[in-house]
Amino acid sequence: MVPDDSAANSQDRHQTVLYTSASDAALGANEGIELWRGFDSAALRTQAFLARARVESGISIPAHWHSQDTIAYLVEGRALFRSGADLEHVHEMAPGDWLFVPAGMVHVEETPDGAVADFLYARDGGGGTTTYVEDEGKL
């Protein structure tokens, strides 16, 4: 299906396909987590957000929540997700597994020793915000 001319000619949209190389998308690494983001959602005036995170062996990302729903796909490795009021719900992930995390759901991601976790994740709202529970004095 081809969009009608009004959508294709909208001044609010880009008129060409955009490309970013892997090296240009790299945001850097911090405490065992390497991040990539192909495009800045705000600069493109879009609500779409897609990023990649590679978490090294033995890393645990502290309890946090996001302001937007998140869909995560584990490309490579293994990961453990904990969620719930007392982080009692545990999901062990293997390559090819998907995870949906509702906005506001407190969760923890752990990468087991001897493994990495290479994720693609998507959010709307330009990616939203991430809030760490320890910064709020909860849990």
N, C-alpha and C. Protein backbone atom coordinates (compact mmCIF):
# COMPACT_ATOMS: atom_id res chain seq x y z
N MET A 1 0.84 -1.18 0.00
CA MET A 1 0.00 0.00 0.00
C MET A 1 0.88 1.24 0.00
N VAL A 2 0.59 2.18 -0.85
CA VAL A 2 1.34 3.43 -0.96
C VAL A 2 0.56 4.51 -0.24
N PRO A 3 1.22 5.30 0.65
CA PRO A 3 0.49 6.36 1.34
C PRO A 3 0.01 7.41 0.36
N ASP A 4 -1.07 8.11 0.72
CA ASP A 4 -1.55 9.17 -0.16
C ASP A 4 -0.56 10.33 -0.18
N ASP A 5 -0.68 11.20 -1.17
CA ASP A 5 0.27 12.29 -1.37
C ASP A 5 0.34 13.24 -0.18
N SER A 6 -0.76 13.42 0.55
CA SER A 6 -0.73 14.36 1.67
C SER A 6 0.23 13.89 2.76
N ALA A 7 0.30 12.58 3.00
CA ALA A 7 1.23 12.06 4.00
C ALA A 7 2.66 12.15 3.50
N ALA A 8 2.89 11.83 2.25
CA ALA A 8 4.24 11.83 1.68
C ALA A 8 4.81 13.23 1.58
N ASN A 9 3.95 14.24 1.41
CA ASN A 9 4.43 15.61 1.22
C ASN A 9 4.34 16.46 2.47
N SER A 10 4.02 15.86 3.60
CA SER A 10 3.90 16.62 4.84
C SER A 10 5.22 17.29 5.18
N GLN A 11 5.17 18.56 5.55
CA GLN A 11 6.39 19.28 5.91
C GLN A 11 6.94 18.83 7.25
N ASP A 12 6.13 18.09 8.03
CA ASP A 12 6.57 17.61 9.33
C ASP A 12 7.41 16.34 9.23
N ARG A 13 7.52 15.76 8.07
CA ARG A 13 8.25 14.50 7.89
C ARG A 13 9.47 14.71 7.02
N HIS A 14 10.46 13.84 7.18
CA HIS A 14 11.65 13.89 6.34
C HIS A 14 11.32 13.36 4.97
N GLN A 15 12.01 13.84 3.97
CA GLN A 15 11.71 13.47 2.60
C GLN A 15 12.73 12.48 2.04
N THR A 16 13.50 11.86 2.90
CA THR A 16 14.48 10.89 2.45
C THR A 16 14.69 9.84 3.53
N VAL A 17 15.21 8.70 3.16
CA VAL A 17 15.57 7.67 4.13
C VAL A 17 16.86 8.13 4.80
N LEU A 18 16.93 7.97 6.10
CA LEU A 18 18.12 8.37 6.86
C LEU A 18 18.92 7.14 7.23
N TYR A 19 20.23 7.28 7.32
CA TYR A 19 21.14 6.17 7.61
C TYR A 19 22.11 6.60 8.70
N THR A 20 22.40 5.68 9.62
CA THR A 20 23.43 5.90 10.64
C THR A 20 24.27 4.64 10.73
N SER A 21 25.57 4.78 10.69
CA SER A 21 26.47 3.62 10.82
C SER A 21 26.53 3.17 12.27
N ALA A 22 26.96 1.94 12.47
CA ALA A 22 27.08 1.40 13.84
C ALA A 22 28.03 2.26 14.67
N SER A 23 29.13 2.71 14.07
CA SER A 23 30.09 3.50 14.84
C SER A 23 29.49 4.86 15.22
N ASP A 24 28.68 5.45 14.34
CA ASP A 24 28.06 6.74 14.67
C ASP A 24 26.95 6.59 15.70
N ALA A 25 26.34 5.41 15.76
CA ALA A 25 25.23 5.18 16.70
C ALA A 25 25.72 4.91 18.12
N ALA A 26 27.00 4.55 18.26
CA ALA A 26 27.54 4.19 19.58
C ALA A 26 27.51 5.39 20.51
N LEU A 27 26.87 5.20 21.68
CA LEU A 27 26.80 6.26 22.69
C LEU A 27 27.90 6.12 23.73
N GLY A 28 28.54 4.94 23.78
CA GLY A 28 29.60 4.71 24.74
C GLY A 28 29.24 3.64 25.75
N ALA A 29 30.15 3.40 26.66
CA ALA A 29 29.97 2.36 27.67
C ALA A 29 30.14 2.98 29.05
N ASN A 30 29.39 2.41 30.02
CA ASN A 30 29.48 2.87 31.39
C ASN A 30 29.14 1.70 32.31
N GLU A 31 30.05 1.36 33.19
CA GLU A 31 29.83 0.31 34.19
C GLU A 31 29.31 -0.99 33.60
N GLY A 32 29.92 -1.43 32.49
CA GLY A 32 29.59 -2.72 31.90
C GLY A 32 28.40 -2.73 30.97
N ILE A 33 27.88 -1.55 30.63
CA ILE A 33 26.74 -1.45 29.72
C ILE A 33 27.13 -0.56 28.55
N GLU A 34 27.07 -1.12 27.34
CA GLU A 34 27.38 -0.36 26.14
C GLU A 34 26.07 -0.05 25.43
N LEU A 35 25.90 1.20 24.98
CA LEU A 35 24.64 1.64 24.38
C LEU A 35 24.82 2.18 22.96
N TRP A 36 23.80 1.92 22.13
CA TRP A 36 23.71 2.47 20.78
C TRP A 36 22.32 3.03 20.58
N ARG A 37 22.23 4.13 19.89
CA ARG A 37 20.94 4.70 19.47
C ARG A 37 21.15 5.26 18.07
N GLY A 38 20.48 4.68 17.11
CA GLY A 38 20.68 5.07 15.72
C GLY A 38 20.28 6.49 15.41
N PHE A 39 19.20 6.93 16.04
CA PHE A 39 18.68 8.26 15.75
C PHE A 39 18.16 8.92 17.01
N ASP A 40 18.30 10.23 17.07
CA ASP A 40 17.76 11.02 18.17
C ASP A 40 16.30 11.32 17.83
N SER A 41 15.38 10.72 18.57
CA SER A 41 13.95 10.86 18.29
C SER A 41 13.51 12.32 18.30
N ALA A 42 14.00 13.08 19.25
CA ALA A 42 13.59 14.49 19.36
C ALA A 42 14.05 15.28 18.13
N ALA A 43 15.29 15.04 17.70
CA ALA A 43 15.81 15.75 16.54
C ALA A 43 15.02 15.42 15.27
N LEU A 44 14.53 14.19 15.20
CA LEU A 44 13.74 13.78 14.03
C LEU A 44 12.26 14.12 14.17
N ARG A 45 11.87 14.63 15.33
CA ARG A 45 10.47 14.95 15.62
C ARG A 45 9.59 13.72 15.42
N THR A 46 10.02 12.61 16.03
CA THR A 46 9.24 11.37 15.99
C THR A 46 9.09 10.83 17.40
N GLN A 47 8.07 10.05 17.62
CA GLN A 47 7.87 9.39 18.90
C GLN A 47 8.53 8.02 18.93
N ALA A 48 8.99 7.53 17.78
CA ALA A 48 9.60 6.20 17.69
C ALA A 48 10.98 6.21 18.33
N PHE A 49 11.31 5.13 19.02
CA PHE A 49 12.61 5.01 19.69
C PHE A 49 13.05 3.55 19.61
N LEU A 50 14.25 3.33 19.12
CA LEU A 50 14.84 1.99 19.06
C LEU A 50 16.29 2.11 19.47
N ALA A 51 16.73 1.24 20.36
CA ALA A 51 18.11 1.30 20.84
C ALA A 51 18.64 -0.12 21.04
N ARG A 52 19.94 -0.19 21.27
CA ARG A 52 20.60 -1.45 21.55
C ARG A 52 21.41 -1.28 22.83
N ALA A 53 21.38 -2.30 23.67
CA ALA A 53 22.19 -2.30 24.90
C ALA A 53 22.88 -3.65 25.00
N ARG A 54 24.16 -3.62 25.25
CA ARG A 54 24.93 -4.85 25.47
C ARG A 54 25.45 -4.78 26.90
N VAL A 55 24.99 -5.75 27.71
CA VAL A 55 25.32 -5.77 29.13
C VAL A 55 26.31 -6.90 29.40
N GLU A 56 27.42 -6.56 29.99
CA GLU A 56 28.50 -7.52 30.24
C GLU A 56 28.15 -8.51 31.35
N SER A 57 28.92 -9.55 31.42
CA SER A 57 28.76 -10.63 32.39
C SER A 57 28.76 -10.11 33.83
N GLY A 58 27.82 -10.62 34.63
CA GLY A 58 27.78 -10.31 36.05
C GLY A 58 27.21 -8.96 36.42
N ILE A 59 26.71 -8.20 35.44
CA ILE A 59 26.17 -6.87 35.71
C ILE A 59 24.71 -6.97 36.13
N SER A 60 24.34 -6.18 37.13
CA SER A 60 22.95 -6.08 37.55
C SER A 60 22.55 -4.61 37.46
N ILE A 61 21.52 -4.32 36.68
CA ILE A 61 21.03 -2.95 36.57
C ILE A 61 20.03 -2.75 37.70
N PRO A 62 20.28 -1.79 38.59
CA PRO A 62 19.43 -1.62 39.78
C PRO A 62 17.96 -1.39 39.43
N ALA A 63 17.10 -1.60 40.43
CA ALA A 63 15.66 -1.43 40.26
C ALA A 63 15.36 -0.05 39.69
N HIS A 64 14.55 -0.05 38.62
CA HIS A 64 14.20 1.18 37.94
C HIS A 64 12.89 0.99 37.20
N TRP A 65 12.36 2.09 36.65
CA TRP A 65 11.16 2.03 35.82
C TRP A 65 11.29 3.08 34.73
N HIS A 66 10.49 2.87 33.67
CA HIS A 66 10.50 3.77 32.52
C HIS A 66 9.15 4.46 32.39
N SER A 67 9.16 5.66 31.85
CA SER A 67 7.91 6.41 31.68
C SER A 67 7.12 5.93 30.47
N GLN A 68 7.70 5.08 29.64
CA GLN A 68 7.03 4.56 28.45
C GLN A 68 7.06 3.03 28.47
N ASP A 69 6.07 2.40 27.83
CA ASP A 69 6.11 0.95 27.63
C ASP A 69 7.39 0.60 26.90
N THR A 70 7.95 -0.58 27.22
CA THR A 70 9.17 -1.05 26.57
C THR A 70 8.94 -2.44 26.01
N ILE A 71 9.39 -2.65 24.79
CA ILE A 71 9.45 -3.99 24.19
C ILE A 71 10.93 -4.29 24.00
N ALA A 72 11.38 -5.41 24.58
CA ALA A 72 12.79 -5.80 24.49
C ALA A 72 12.91 -7.14 23.79
N TYR A 73 13.96 -7.29 23.00
CA TYR A 73 14.26 -8.53 22.29
C TYR A 73 15.71 -8.89 22.59
N LEU A 74 15.93 -10.10 23.10
CA LEU A 74 17.29 -10.54 23.41
C LEU A 74 17.90 -11.17 22.16
N VAL A 75 18.88 -10.50 21.59
CA VAL A 75 19.54 -10.95 20.36
C VAL A 75 20.53 -12.06 20.67
N GLU A 76 21.29 -11.88 21.74
CA GLU A 76 22.37 -12.81 22.06
C GLU A 76 22.53 -12.87 23.57
N GLY A 77 22.92 -14.03 24.09
CA GLY A 77 23.27 -14.17 25.50
C GLY A 77 22.12 -14.66 26.35
N ARG A 78 22.21 -14.31 27.62
CA ARG A 78 21.20 -14.69 28.61
C ARG A 78 20.97 -13.50 29.53
N ALA A 79 19.76 -13.43 30.07
CA ALA A 79 19.43 -12.36 31.02
C ALA A 79 18.34 -12.83 31.95
N LEU A 80 18.29 -12.21 33.09
CA LEU A 80 17.28 -12.48 34.10
C LEU A 80 16.57 -11.17 34.38
N PHE A 81 15.25 -11.15 34.24
CA PHE A 81 14.46 -9.96 34.56
C PHE A 81 13.63 -10.25 35.80
N ARG A 82 13.64 -9.33 36.73
CA ARG A 82 12.83 -9.43 37.94
C ARG A 82 11.89 -8.23 37.94
N SER A 83 10.63 -8.48 38.31
CA SER A 83 9.66 -7.40 38.39
C SER A 83 8.65 -7.72 39.49
N GLY A 84 7.78 -6.77 39.77
CA GLY A 84 6.78 -6.93 40.82
C GLY A 84 7.14 -6.08 42.03
N ALA A 85 6.21 -5.98 42.96
CA ALA A 85 6.39 -5.12 44.13
C ALA A 85 7.65 -5.47 44.91
N ASP A 86 7.96 -6.77 45.02
CA ASP A 86 9.15 -7.23 45.72
C ASP A 86 10.13 -7.92 44.77
N LEU A 87 10.00 -7.60 43.48
CA LEU A 87 10.84 -8.21 42.43
C LEU A 87 10.72 -9.73 42.44
N GLU A 88 9.50 -10.21 42.77
CA GLU A 88 9.28 -11.65 42.93
C GLU A 88 9.03 -12.38 41.61
N HIS A 89 8.68 -11.66 40.55
CA HIS A 89 8.44 -12.30 39.26
C HIS A 89 9.77 -12.37 38.50
N VAL A 90 10.17 -13.59 38.10
CA VAL A 90 11.46 -13.79 37.46
C VAL A 90 11.25 -14.37 36.06
N HIS A 91 11.90 -13.77 35.08
CA HIS A 91 11.85 -14.25 33.70
C HIS A 91 13.28 -14.49 33.24
N GLU A 92 13.59 -15.75 32.94
CA GLU A 92 14.90 -16.09 32.40
C GLU A 92 14.83 -16.00 30.88
N MET A 93 15.69 -15.20 30.29
CA MET A 93 15.64 -14.97 28.85
C MET A 93 16.82 -15.63 28.14
N ALA A 94 16.52 -16.14 26.95
CA ALA A 94 17.51 -16.74 26.06
C ALA A 94 17.40 -16.02 24.71
N PRO A 95 18.38 -16.20 23.82
CA PRO A 95 18.31 -15.53 22.52
C PRO A 95 16.98 -15.80 21.81
N GLY A 96 16.40 -14.74 21.26
CA GLY A 96 15.14 -14.84 20.55
C GLY A 96 13.93 -14.56 21.41
N ASP A 97 14.11 -14.43 22.73
CA ASP A 97 12.99 -14.15 23.64
C ASP A 97 12.64 -12.66 23.61
N TRP A 98 11.36 -12.39 23.84
CA TRP A 98 10.82 -11.03 23.87
C TRP A 98 10.29 -10.73 25.28
N LEU A 99 10.25 -9.46 25.61
CA LEU A 99 9.75 -9.03 26.91
C LEU A 99 8.98 -7.73 26.73
N PHE A 100 7.80 -7.64 27.34
CA PHE A 100 7.05 -6.39 27.36
C PHE A 100 7.04 -5.89 28.80
N VAL A 101 7.49 -4.67 29.01
CA VAL A 101 7.52 -4.06 30.33
C VAL A 101 6.63 -2.82 30.30
N PRO A 102 5.50 -2.85 31.00
CA PRO A 102 4.61 -1.68 31.00
C PRO A 102 5.28 -0.46 31.65
N ALA A 103 4.90 0.70 31.18
CA ALA A 103 5.39 1.95 31.79
C ALA A 103 5.12 1.92 33.29
N GLY A 104 6.09 2.34 34.09
CA GLY A 104 5.92 2.40 35.54
C GLY A 104 6.23 1.12 36.28
N MET A 105 6.46 0.00 35.57
CA MET A 105 6.74 -1.29 36.21
C MET A 105 8.20 -1.31 36.68
N VAL A 106 8.38 -1.46 37.99
CA VAL A 106 9.74 -1.54 38.54
C VAL A 106 10.34 -2.90 38.15
N HIS A 107 11.57 -2.87 37.69
CA HIS A 107 12.23 -4.10 37.27
C HIS A 107 13.75 -3.99 37.41
N VAL A 108 14.38 -5.15 37.37
CA VAL A 108 15.84 -5.28 37.46
C VAL A 108 16.27 -6.21 36.34
N GLU A 109 17.37 -5.89 35.68
CA GLU A 109 17.95 -6.79 34.67
C GLU A 109 19.29 -7.26 35.19
N GLU A 110 19.49 -8.58 35.16
CA GLU A 110 20.76 -9.16 35.60
C GLU A 110 21.33 -10.02 34.48
N THR A 111 22.62 -9.91 34.28
CA THR A 111 23.31 -10.76 33.31
C THR A 111 24.12 -11.77 34.10
N PRO A 112 23.84 -13.07 33.92
CA PRO A 112 24.56 -14.09 34.69
C PRO A 112 26.06 -14.08 34.41
N ASP A 113 26.84 -14.56 35.38
CA ASP A 113 28.28 -14.70 35.17
C ASP A 113 28.52 -15.61 33.97
N GLY A 114 29.50 -15.26 33.15
CA GLY A 114 29.84 -16.06 31.98
C GLY A 114 28.97 -15.81 30.77
N ALA A 115 28.05 -14.84 30.83
CA ALA A 115 27.16 -14.54 29.71
C ALA A 115 27.17 -13.04 29.44
N VAL A 116 26.69 -12.64 28.30
CA VAL A 116 26.40 -11.25 27.99
C VAL A 116 24.92 -11.18 27.64
N ALA A 117 24.38 -10.00 27.61
CA ALA A 117 22.99 -9.82 27.17
C ALA A 117 22.99 -8.70 26.15
N ASP A 118 22.67 -9.03 24.91
CA ASP A 118 22.65 -8.05 23.81
C ASP A 118 21.19 -7.84 23.42
N PHE A 119 20.63 -6.68 23.78
CA PHE A 119 19.22 -6.37 23.61
C PHE A 119 18.97 -5.32 22.55
N LEU A 120 17.86 -5.46 21.85
CA LEU A 120 17.24 -4.36 21.12
C LEU A 120 15.99 -4.00 21.92
N TYR A 121 15.74 -2.72 22.07
CA TYR A 121 14.52 -2.35 22.77
C TYR A 121 13.89 -1.12 22.12
N ALA A 122 12.57 -1.11 22.18
CA ALA A 122 11.79 -0.05 21.55
C ALA A 122 10.84 0.57 22.56
N ARG A 123 10.64 1.87 22.42
CA ARG A 123 9.67 2.60 23.22
C ARG A 123 9.03 3.66 22.34
N ASP A 124 7.87 4.11 22.74
CA ASP A 124 7.30 5.27 22.09
C ASP A 124 7.69 6.49 22.93
N GLY A 125 7.10 7.61 22.65
CA GLY A 125 7.38 8.80 23.46
C GLY A 125 8.81 9.27 23.36
N GLY A 126 9.49 8.95 22.25
CA GLY A 126 10.87 9.37 22.07
C GLY A 126 11.82 8.69 23.04
N GLY A 127 11.39 7.60 23.65
CA GLY A 127 12.21 6.86 24.59
C GLY A 127 11.85 7.12 26.03
N GLY A 128 11.22 8.26 26.30
CA GLY A 128 10.79 8.56 27.65
C GLY A 128 11.96 8.77 28.61
N THR A 129 11.69 8.52 29.88
CA THR A 129 12.71 8.69 30.92
C THR A 129 12.85 7.40 31.72
N THR A 130 14.00 7.26 32.37
CA THR A 130 14.27 6.14 33.27
C THR A 130 14.51 6.71 34.66
N THR A 131 13.84 6.12 35.66
CA THR A 131 13.98 6.57 37.04
C THR A 131 14.44 5.39 37.89
N TYR A 132 15.54 5.57 38.62
CA TYR A 132 16.04 4.52 39.51
C TYR A 132 15.36 4.62 40.85
N VAL A 133 14.90 3.48 41.35
CA VAL A 133 14.13 3.42 42.59
C VAL A 133 14.92 3.99 43.76
N GLU A 134 16.21 3.72 43.83
CA GLU A 134 17.02 4.22 44.95
C GLU A 134 17.00 5.75 44.99
N ASP A 135 16.83 6.38 43.82
CA ASP A 135 16.77 7.84 43.77
C ASP A 135 15.44 8.36 44.33
N GLU A 136 14.42 7.47 44.38
CA GLU A 136 13.11 7.84 44.90
C GLU A 136 12.95 7.42 46.37
N GLY A 137 13.90 6.64 46.89
CA GLY A 137 13.82 6.17 48.26
C GLY A 137 12.81 5.07 48.47
N LYS A 138 12.53 4.27 47.43
CA LYS A 138 11.58 3.16 47.53
C LYS A 138 12.31 1.84 47.46
N LEU A 139 11.56 0.76 47.66
CA LEU A 139 11.97 -0.65 47.56
C LEU A 139 13.00 -1.06 48.54
